[in-house]
């Protein structure tokens, strides 16, 4: 877990990122009395505890490894998992667009292995709260263990329930849906959000995105946006800078929206959205609006 001791020193139970000379990365925890075992030798954690991060250490076979303090990105990518992770590029976008900071309250639907939950918790701690819902108990058990080892459980409520039944919380600042057929749960998200609250969802296919957008238009949402985040790495060689051979491209579609009071929403919609709102029966007998 993350301790109150100086961040520059490895503390008991702290997460450690170990990197081989070939660039392979390992996430471990500094458990006193135990050791990290590899085919290149043994590295006792007691030899690391109390010493600074940012060192090169050798196994008993003389193999060298770099010892670093892991970032949130490292944790998301290397925590034990049984589910598909949300990539750090998407997690970072969600934290920014959902305006997460200390004191904010957010509902997450779909805990998975806890990777995104840890990003949300680190953003809203120490005064905020993450309410994370999961349907499958085996996923929640792993997420609980991961989050407990990182010392983040005090900022998270883990709940085992079908979100079709709705959420316990109201007036939250943000809701994020990572669920199949997320469009089905837009009404539940709307009911939980405060006015002007922020909505986000992650969906893998275009058809699912279309359904979520329709559900948002049928509800009291404005500022609807759909994005995908692409990262194009470059090879850091000063003499011949060029893009890397591979890039992290499409990993999912992000849908964002903001809740607005129904009495104001109609006057903020463009003409296409007004027509769709009329079709959904959300708005009736409203005066025509010129301009937009």
Protein backbone atom coordinates (compact mmCIF):
# COMPACT_ATOMS: atom_id res chain seq x y z
CA UNK A 1 0.00 0.00 0.00
CA UNK A 2 1.02 3.67 -0.26
CA UNK A 3 2.54 4.74 3.04
CA UNK A 4 2.99 8.13 4.71
CA UNK A 5 6.79 7.71 4.61
CA UNK A 6 8.93 9.64 2.10
CA UNK A 7 7.92 8.70 -1.44
CA UNK A 8 11.56 8.28 -2.41
CA UNK A 9 12.03 5.24 -0.15
CA UNK A 10 10.60 1.75 -0.56
CA UNK A 11 8.35 0.94 2.41
CA UNK A 12 6.97 -2.45 3.51
CA UNK A 13 4.06 -3.58 1.31
CA UNK A 14 4.61 -0.75 -1.20
CA UNK A 15 4.15 -1.47 -4.92
CA UNK A 16 7.38 -1.64 -6.91
CA UNK A 17 7.93 -1.58 -10.66
CA UNK A 18 10.84 -3.80 -11.71
CA UNK A 19 12.21 -3.36 -15.23
CA UNK A 20 14.63 -5.75 -16.92
CA UNK A 21 17.45 -4.69 -19.22
CA UNK A 22 15.24 -5.78 -22.15
CA UNK A 23 12.45 -3.50 -20.96
CA UNK A 24 10.10 -6.13 -19.53
CA UNK A 25 8.09 -4.73 -16.63
CA UNK A 26 6.91 -6.45 -13.45
CA UNK A 27 4.64 -5.10 -10.70
CA UNK A 28 5.36 -6.55 -7.27
CA UNK A 29 4.73 -5.65 -3.62
CA UNK A 30 7.54 -5.32 -1.07
CA UNK A 31 6.47 -8.00 1.42
CA UNK A 32 9.00 -8.31 4.29
CA UNK A 33 10.58 -11.74 4.50
CA UNK A 34 9.68 -12.62 0.92
CA UNK A 35 11.51 -12.32 -2.38
CA UNK A 36 10.87 -11.82 -6.08
CA UNK A 37 11.81 -14.94 -8.04
CA UNK A 38 12.72 -15.02 -11.72
CA UNK A 39 14.73 -17.29 -14.01
CA UNK A 40 17.43 -14.63 -13.71
CA UNK A 41 17.75 -14.95 -9.98
CA UNK A 42 16.24 -14.04 -6.64
CA UNK A 43 15.78 -10.50 -5.29
CA UNK A 44 14.80 -10.29 -1.58
CA UNK A 45 12.34 -7.51 -0.78
CA UNK A 46 14.17 -6.86 2.49
CA UNK A 47 17.11 -5.69 0.37
CA UNK A 48 14.85 -3.05 -1.20
CA UNK A 49 12.84 -1.84 1.81
CA UNK A 50 14.19 1.41 3.23
CA UNK A 51 16.28 2.10 0.15
CA UNK A 52 15.49 4.71 -2.52
CA UNK A 53 13.50 4.06 -5.66
CA UNK A 54 15.39 4.78 -8.86
CA UNK A 55 18.18 2.30 -8.25
CA UNK A 56 19.65 -0.63 -10.14
CA UNK A 57 19.64 -3.81 -8.08
CA UNK A 58 21.14 -7.22 -8.80
CA UNK A 59 19.70 -10.67 -8.22
CA UNK A 60 21.83 -13.35 -6.59
CA UNK A 61 22.86 -14.38 -10.12
CA UNK A 62 24.15 -10.90 -10.91
CA UNK A 63 21.31 -9.90 -13.26
CA UNK A 64 20.49 -6.18 -13.11
CA UNK A 65 17.00 -4.69 -12.75
CA UNK A 66 15.75 -1.13 -12.43
CA UNK A 67 13.64 -0.41 -9.32
CA UNK A 68 11.02 2.34 -9.75
CA UNK A 69 7.94 3.63 -8.01
CA UNK A 70 4.98 2.72 -10.26
CA UNK A 71 2.74 5.37 -11.77
CA UNK A 72 -1.04 5.07 -11.97
CA UNK A 73 -0.55 3.97 -15.58
CA UNK A 74 1.79 1.18 -14.46
CA UNK A 75 -0.68 0.03 -11.82
CA UNK A 76 -3.61 -0.08 -14.25
CA UNK A 77 -1.66 -2.11 -16.79
CA UNK A 78 0.05 -4.55 -14.44
CA UNK A 79 -2.40 -5.27 -11.60
CA UNK A 80 -3.74 -8.81 -11.48
CA UNK A 81 -6.87 -8.98 -13.60
CA UNK A 82 -9.52 -11.32 -14.93
CA UNK A 83 -11.21 -8.75 -17.15
CA UNK A 84 -10.21 -6.51 -20.04
CA UNK A 85 -8.59 -3.35 -18.69
CA UNK A 86 -9.48 0.21 -19.55
CA UNK A 87 -6.27 1.59 -21.01
CA UNK A 88 -4.50 4.46 -19.22
CA UNK A 89 -5.11 6.75 -22.22
CA UNK A 90 -8.86 6.30 -21.79
CA UNK A 91 -8.67 6.46 -17.99
CA UNK A 92 -6.82 9.78 -18.15
CA UNK A 93 -9.42 11.20 -20.52
CA UNK A 94 -12.22 10.10 -18.20
CA UNK A 95 -10.62 11.65 -15.12
CA UNK A 96 -10.22 14.94 -16.99
CA UNK A 97 -13.63 15.08 -18.67
CA UNK A 98 -15.50 13.99 -15.53
CA UNK A 99 -13.70 16.81 -13.68
CA UNK A 100 -12.60 14.53 -10.85
CA UNK A 101 -10.81 16.07 -7.89
CA UNK A 102 -10.80 15.80 -4.12
CA UNK A 103 -14.33 16.02 -2.76
CA UNK A 104 -16.13 14.77 -5.88
CA UNK A 105 -18.51 11.78 -5.75
CA UNK A 106 -18.62 9.38 -8.69
CA UNK A 107 -20.53 6.19 -9.49
CA UNK A 108 -18.70 3.55 -11.50
CA UNK A 109 -20.79 0.77 -13.04
CA UNK A 110 -18.50 -2.17 -13.76
CA UNK A 111 -15.68 -2.56 -11.22
CA UNK A 112 -13.87 -5.26 -13.18
CA UNK A 113 -10.44 -5.83 -11.64
CA UNK A 114 -10.33 -2.33 -10.14
CA UNK A 115 -7.94 -0.64 -12.57
CA UNK A 116 -10.13 2.34 -13.41
CA UNK A 117 -11.48 2.38 -9.85
CA UNK A 118 -7.97 3.11 -8.59
CA UNK A 119 -7.62 6.01 -11.05
CA UNK A 120 -10.95 7.46 -9.90
CA UNK A 121 -10.07 6.98 -6.21
CA UNK A 122 -6.67 8.65 -6.56
CA UNK A 123 -8.38 11.60 -8.25
CA UNK A 124 -11.14 12.18 -5.64
CA UNK A 125 -9.26 11.29 -2.43
CA UNK A 126 -9.11 12.22 0.38
CA UNK A 127 -12.45 14.04 0.61
CA UNK A 128 -14.33 12.37 -2.27
CA UNK A 129 -15.90 8.96 -2.79
CA UNK A 130 -16.13 6.28 -5.49
CA UNK A 131 -19.22 4.06 -5.51
CA UNK A 132 -18.32 1.07 -7.66
CA UNK A 133 -20.95 -1.47 -8.72
CA UNK A 134 -20.17 -4.98 -9.99
CA UNK A 135 -22.43 -7.87 -10.95
CA UNK A 136 -19.95 -10.76 -10.67
CA UNK A 137 -18.62 -11.64 -7.19
CA UNK A 138 -15.35 -13.12 -8.48
CA UNK A 139 -14.50 -9.83 -10.17
CA UNK A 140 -15.31 -7.87 -7.04
CA UNK A 141 -13.15 -10.14 -4.88
CA UNK A 142 -10.10 -9.52 -7.07
CA UNK A 143 -10.81 -5.79 -7.25
CA UNK A 144 -11.11 -5.61 -3.47
CA UNK A 145 -7.75 -7.33 -3.04
CA UNK A 146 -6.06 -5.06 -5.59
CA UNK A 147 -7.48 -1.88 -4.07
CA UNK A 148 -6.76 -3.01 -0.51
CA UNK A 149 -3.10 -3.63 -1.37
CA UNK A 150 -2.89 -0.10 -2.72
CA UNK A 151 -4.48 1.40 0.41
CA UNK A 152 -7.40 2.88 -1.54
CA UNK A 153 -10.38 1.08 0.02
CA UNK A 154 -11.09 3.92 2.51
CA UNK A 155 -12.21 6.04 -0.46
CA UNK A 156 -14.32 3.39 -2.22
CA UNK A 157 -17.65 1.66 -1.62
CA UNK A 158 -17.73 -1.68 -3.47
CA UNK A 159 -21.26 -2.87 -4.20
CA UNK A 160 -22.41 -6.20 -5.65
CA UNK A 161 -25.63 -5.60 -7.54
CA UNK A 162 -27.35 -5.48 -10.91
CA UNK A 163 -27.45 -1.79 -11.82
CA UNK A 164 -30.76 -2.33 -13.61
CA UNK A 165 -32.19 -1.95 -10.09
CA UNK A 166 -30.76 1.56 -9.94
CA UNK A 167 -28.11 3.18 -7.76
CA UNK A 168 -28.28 3.88 -4.02
CA UNK A 169 -26.73 7.34 -4.37
CA UNK A 170 -28.29 10.58 -5.58
CA UNK A 171 -26.87 13.99 -6.46
CA UNK A 172 -23.49 12.55 -7.42
CA UNK A 173 -21.11 14.62 -9.52
CA UNK A 174 -20.44 11.99 -12.18
CA UNK A 175 -21.51 8.57 -13.42
CA UNK A 176 -19.44 6.23 -15.58
CA UNK A 177 -20.94 3.16 -17.27
CA UNK A 178 -18.70 0.31 -18.39
CA UNK A 179 -21.37 -2.27 -19.07
CA UNK A 180 -22.78 -4.22 -21.96
CA UNK A 181 -25.75 -2.44 -23.48
CA UNK A 182 -24.99 0.67 -21.45
CA UNK A 183 -27.94 2.39 -23.14
CA UNK A 184 -30.27 0.38 -20.88
CA UNK A 185 -28.82 2.09 -17.81
CA UNK A 186 -28.86 5.72 -18.91
CA UNK A 187 -32.13 6.40 -16.97
CA UNK A 188 -30.54 5.02 -13.79
CA UNK A 189 -27.52 7.25 -14.34
CA UNK A 190 -29.73 10.28 -14.89
CA UNK A 191 -31.62 9.60 -11.66
CA UNK A 192 -28.36 9.46 -9.68
CA UNK A 193 -26.75 12.59 -11.14
CA UNK A 194 -26.99 16.09 -9.74
CA UNK A 195 -28.15 18.85 -12.08
CA UNK A 196 -25.30 19.65 -14.48
CA UNK A 197 -23.71 16.34 -13.46
CA UNK A 198 -21.34 14.62 -15.87
CA UNK A 199 -21.99 11.33 -17.66
CA UNK A 200 -19.55 9.03 -19.44
CA UNK A 201 -19.67 5.55 -20.91
CA UNK A 202 -17.27 3.23 -22.68
CA UNK A 203 -18.59 1.04 -25.49
CA UNK A 204 -16.69 -1.19 -27.93
CA UNK A 205 -18.89 -1.00 -31.05
CA UNK A 206 -20.49 1.69 -33.19
CA UNK A 207 -23.95 0.14 -32.81
CA UNK A 208 -23.70 0.29 -29.02
CA UNK A 209 -22.57 3.91 -29.20
CA UNK A 210 -25.61 4.77 -31.32
CA UNK A 211 -27.91 3.23 -28.74
CA UNK A 212 -26.27 5.18 -25.90
CA UNK A 213 -26.56 8.45 -27.84
CA UNK A 214 -30.25 7.76 -28.53
CA UNK A 215 -30.82 7.04 -24.84
CA UNK A 216 -29.08 10.28 -23.85
CA UNK A 217 -31.19 12.24 -26.34
CA UNK A 218 -34.29 10.60 -24.90
CA UNK A 219 -33.22 11.73 -21.43
CA UNK A 220 -32.32 15.13 -20.07
CA UNK A 221 -28.79 15.39 -21.42
CA UNK A 222 -26.95 17.98 -23.48
CA UNK A 223 -23.39 18.44 -24.77
CA UNK A 224 -23.30 14.86 -26.07
CA UNK A 225 -19.92 13.88 -27.53
CA UNK A 226 -18.35 10.70 -28.85
CA UNK A 227 -14.57 10.26 -28.91
CA UNK A 228 -11.83 7.70 -29.33
CA UNK A 229 -8.34 8.27 -27.98
CA UNK A 230 -5.36 7.30 -30.13
CA UNK A 231 -1.72 7.38 -29.00
CA UNK A 232 1.09 7.41 -31.54
CA UNK A 233 4.45 6.78 -29.86
CA UNK A 234 7.69 7.97 -31.42
CA UNK A 235 11.09 6.32 -31.15
CA UNK A 236 13.20 8.57 -28.86
CA UNK A 237 16.36 8.52 -30.97
CA UNK A 238 17.52 12.13 -31.56
CA UNK A 239 19.39 11.37 -34.79
CA UNK A 240 16.46 9.59 -36.46
CA UNK A 241 13.18 10.47 -34.78
CA UNK A 242 10.25 8.64 -36.33
CA UNK A 243 6.97 7.01 -35.27
CA UNK A 244 7.14 3.63 -33.58
CA UNK A 245 6.19 0.59 -35.62
CA UNK A 246 3.07 0.02 -33.52
CA UNK A 247 0.57 2.37 -31.93
CA UNK A 248 -2.22 2.09 -29.38
CA UNK A 249 -5.18 2.87 -31.59
CA UNK A 250 -8.85 2.05 -31.03
CA UNK A 251 -9.60 0.53 -27.63
CA UNK A 252 -13.18 1.72 -27.30
CA UNK A 253 -15.53 4.65 -27.80
CA UNK A 254 -15.98 7.22 -25.03
CA UNK A 255 -19.37 8.93 -24.80
CA UNK A 256 -19.73 12.09 -22.72
CA UNK A 257 -22.78 14.17 -21.78
CA UNK A 258 -24.07 16.56 -19.14
CA UNK A 259 -27.39 16.41 -17.33
CA UNK A 260 -29.63 19.47 -17.61
CA UNK A 261 -32.97 20.30 -16.04
CA UNK A 262 -35.77 19.30 -18.42
CA UNK A 263 -37.33 22.78 -18.35
CA UNK A 264 -34.14 24.29 -19.82
CA UNK A 265 -32.92 21.46 -21.99
CA UNK A 266 -35.31 22.02 -24.89
CA UNK A 267 -34.09 25.57 -25.48
CA UNK A 268 -30.47 24.42 -25.68
CA UNK A 269 -30.92 21.65 -28.24
CA UNK A 270 -30.22 22.07 -31.91
CA UNK A 271 -33.07 21.49 -34.36
CA UNK A 272 -32.21 17.85 -35.03
CA UNK A 273 -32.09 17.05 -31.32
CA UNK A 274 -35.40 18.86 -30.74
CA UNK A 275 -37.09 16.73 -33.36
CA UNK A 276 -35.68 13.58 -31.79
CA UNK A 277 -36.81 14.71 -28.33
CA UNK A 278 -40.31 15.18 -29.71
CA UNK A 279 -40.18 11.69 -31.23
CA UNK A 280 -39.19 10.19 -27.90
CA UNK A 281 -42.10 11.98 -26.24
CA UNK A 282 -39.82 13.76 -23.81
CA UNK A 283 -41.00 17.21 -24.90
CA UNK A 284 -44.59 18.06 -25.76
CA UNK A 285 -46.38 21.26 -26.75
CA UNK A 286 -43.25 23.38 -26.52
CA UNK A 287 -43.07 26.67 -28.44
CA UNK A 288 -40.95 26.81 -31.61
CA UNK A 289 -37.45 28.14 -31.18
CA UNK A 290 -35.67 30.16 -33.82
CA UNK A 291 -31.94 30.50 -34.26
CA UNK A 292 -29.90 27.44 -33.28
